[in-house]
Amino acid sequence: MNAAIQQLRREGYPVMDSDVEKLSPLQCGHINMQGRYSFTVPESVSKGELRAFNE
């Protein structure tokens, strides 16, 4: 989440600290904190790179 916020700020979006303080992955229904997840990711991501934002 921090990487996404930093990217938005670099692109000039007004991301306010007071809004960031309210963000929590627990508010998203699709996130299961006790489950297992299986992902197929591009090789670049498996090497530690981040994917670009969708436009």
N, C-alpha and C. Protein backbone atom coordinates (compact mmCIF):
# COMPACT_ATOMS: atom_id res chain seq x y z
N MET A 1 0.83 -1.18 0.00
CA MET A 1 0.00 0.00 0.00
C MET A 1 0.88 1.25 0.00
N ASN A 2 1.99 1.20 0.73
CA ASN A 2 2.88 2.36 0.78
C ASN A 2 3.46 2.68 -0.59
N ALA A 3 3.82 1.64 -1.35
CA ALA A 3 4.38 1.87 -2.68
C ALA A 3 3.35 2.54 -3.59
N ALA A 4 2.09 2.14 -3.48
CA ALA A 4 1.04 2.75 -4.29
C ALA A 4 0.83 4.21 -3.91
N ILE A 5 0.85 4.50 -2.63
CA ILE A 5 0.68 5.89 -2.17
C ILE A 5 1.83 6.76 -2.65
N GLN A 6 3.05 6.25 -2.55
CA GLN A 6 4.22 7.00 -3.02
C GLN A 6 4.14 7.27 -4.51
N GLN A 7 3.71 6.26 -5.29
CA GLN A 7 3.58 6.44 -6.74
C GLN A 7 2.53 7.50 -7.07
N LEU A 8 1.41 7.46 -6.39
CA LEU A 8 0.37 8.47 -6.62
C LEU A 8 0.90 9.87 -6.33
N ARG A 9 1.64 10.02 -5.26
CA ARG A 9 2.20 11.33 -4.91
C ARG A 9 3.21 11.78 -5.96
N ARG A 10 4.05 10.84 -6.46
CA ARG A 10 5.02 11.20 -7.51
C ARG A 10 4.31 11.69 -8.77
N GLU A 11 3.14 11.12 -9.04
CA GLU A 11 2.37 11.50 -10.23
C GLU A 11 1.54 12.75 -10.01
N GLY A 12 1.63 13.33 -8.82
CA GLY A 12 0.97 14.60 -8.57
C GLY A 12 -0.42 14.52 -7.97
N TYR A 13 -0.86 13.32 -7.61
CA TYR A 13 -2.18 13.21 -6.99
C TYR A 13 -2.11 13.71 -5.55
N PRO A 14 -3.13 14.42 -5.09
CA PRO A 14 -3.12 14.96 -3.73
C PRO A 14 -3.51 13.89 -2.70
N VAL A 15 -2.54 13.15 -2.22
CA VAL A 15 -2.79 12.11 -1.21
C VAL A 15 -2.46 12.71 0.15
N MET A 16 -3.49 12.93 0.96
CA MET A 16 -3.30 13.59 2.25
C MET A 16 -3.00 12.57 3.34
N ASP A 17 -2.07 12.92 4.24
CA ASP A 17 -1.71 12.04 5.35
C ASP A 17 -2.93 11.68 6.20
N SER A 18 -3.84 12.62 6.37
CA SER A 18 -5.03 12.35 7.18
C SER A 18 -5.90 11.26 6.54
N ASP A 19 -5.89 11.16 5.21
CA ASP A 19 -6.63 10.10 4.52
C ASP A 19 -5.89 8.77 4.63
N VAL A 20 -4.57 8.81 4.49
CA VAL A 20 -3.76 7.59 4.56
C VAL A 20 -3.90 6.93 5.93
N GLU A 21 -4.00 7.74 6.98
CA GLU A 21 -4.14 7.20 8.34
C GLU A 21 -5.39 6.34 8.49
N LYS A 22 -6.39 6.57 7.65
CA LYS A 22 -7.66 5.85 7.76
C LYS A 22 -7.69 4.56 6.93
N LEU A 23 -6.66 4.33 6.12
CA LEU A 23 -6.64 3.15 5.26
C LEU A 23 -6.33 1.90 6.06
N SER A 24 -7.02 0.83 5.74
CA SER A 24 -6.77 -0.45 6.40
C SER A 24 -7.17 -1.57 5.45
N PRO A 25 -6.29 -2.56 5.24
CA PRO A 25 -6.68 -3.69 4.40
C PRO A 25 -7.80 -4.52 5.02
N LEU A 26 -8.03 -4.36 6.31
CA LEU A 26 -9.10 -5.12 6.97
C LEU A 26 -10.48 -4.65 6.56
N GLN A 27 -10.58 -3.48 5.94
CA GLN A 27 -11.87 -2.95 5.50
C GLN A 27 -12.33 -3.57 4.18
N CYS A 28 -11.46 -4.33 3.54
CA CYS A 28 -11.78 -4.92 2.24
C CYS A 28 -12.30 -6.34 2.44
N GLY A 29 -13.50 -6.58 1.99
CA GLY A 29 -14.11 -7.88 2.18
C GLY A 29 -13.40 -9.02 1.49
N HIS A 30 -12.66 -8.74 0.41
CA HIS A 30 -11.99 -9.80 -0.33
C HIS A 30 -10.67 -10.23 0.30
N ILE A 31 -10.25 -9.59 1.38
CA ILE A 31 -9.01 -9.95 2.06
C ILE A 31 -9.34 -10.84 3.25
N ASN A 32 -8.85 -12.04 3.20
CA ASN A 32 -9.06 -13.01 4.27
C ASN A 32 -7.76 -13.13 5.05
N MET A 33 -7.72 -12.57 6.24
CA MET A 33 -6.48 -12.52 7.01
C MET A 33 -6.05 -13.89 7.53
N GLN A 34 -6.93 -14.88 7.49
CA GLN A 34 -6.58 -16.20 8.01
C GLN A 34 -6.57 -17.28 6.93
N GLY A 35 -6.73 -16.88 5.70
CA GLY A 35 -6.80 -17.86 4.62
C GLY A 35 -5.49 -18.02 3.88
N ARG A 36 -5.53 -18.88 2.87
CA ARG A 36 -4.39 -19.08 1.99
C ARG A 36 -4.76 -18.55 0.62
N TYR A 37 -3.77 -18.01 -0.05
CA TYR A 37 -4.00 -17.43 -1.36
C TYR A 37 -3.03 -18.04 -2.36
N SER A 38 -3.47 -18.19 -3.57
CA SER A 38 -2.62 -18.69 -4.65
C SER A 38 -2.64 -17.67 -5.77
N PHE A 39 -1.47 -17.24 -6.20
CA PHE A 39 -1.37 -16.22 -7.24
C PHE A 39 -0.46 -16.69 -8.36
N THR A 40 -0.79 -16.32 -9.57
CA THR A 40 0.11 -16.47 -10.70
C THR A 40 0.57 -15.07 -11.04
N VAL A 41 1.86 -14.83 -10.91
CA VAL A 41 2.39 -13.48 -11.13
C VAL A 41 3.42 -13.50 -12.24
N PRO A 42 3.57 -12.37 -12.96
CA PRO A 42 4.60 -12.28 -13.98
C PRO A 42 5.99 -12.48 -13.36
N GLU A 43 6.94 -12.94 -14.16
CA GLU A 43 8.29 -13.19 -13.67
C GLU A 43 8.91 -11.94 -13.05
N SER A 44 8.65 -10.77 -13.66
CA SER A 44 9.22 -9.53 -13.13
C SER A 44 8.74 -9.26 -11.71
N VAL A 45 7.49 -9.57 -11.42
CA VAL A 45 6.94 -9.37 -10.08
C VAL A 45 7.55 -10.37 -9.11
N SER A 46 7.75 -11.60 -9.55
CA SER A 46 8.35 -12.60 -8.67
C SER A 46 9.79 -12.25 -8.32
N LYS A 47 10.41 -11.37 -9.13
CA LYS A 47 11.77 -10.91 -8.84
C LYS A 47 11.78 -9.64 -8.00
N GLY A 48 10.61 -9.19 -7.56
CA GLY A 48 10.54 -8.05 -6.66
C GLY A 48 10.10 -6.74 -7.28
N GLU A 49 9.84 -6.72 -8.59
CA GLU A 49 9.37 -5.48 -9.22
C GLU A 49 7.88 -5.29 -8.95
N LEU A 50 7.42 -4.07 -9.06
CA LEU A 50 6.00 -3.78 -8.90
C LEU A 50 5.35 -3.63 -10.26
N ARG A 51 4.10 -4.05 -10.35
CA ARG A 51 3.36 -3.85 -11.59
C ARG A 51 2.90 -2.40 -11.69
N ALA A 52 2.70 -1.94 -12.91
CA ALA A 52 2.22 -0.57 -13.13
C ALA A 52 0.75 -0.48 -12.71
N PHE A 53 0.34 0.72 -12.33
CA PHE A 53 -1.08 0.96 -12.04
C PHE A 53 -1.88 0.78 -13.31
N ASN A 54 -3.12 0.34 -13.18
CA ASN A 54 -4.03 0.29 -14.32
C ASN A 54 -4.46 1.70 -14.63
N GLU A 55 -4.60 1.97 -15.89
CA GLU A 55 -5.02 3.33 -16.27
C GLU A 55 -6.47 3.36 -16.61
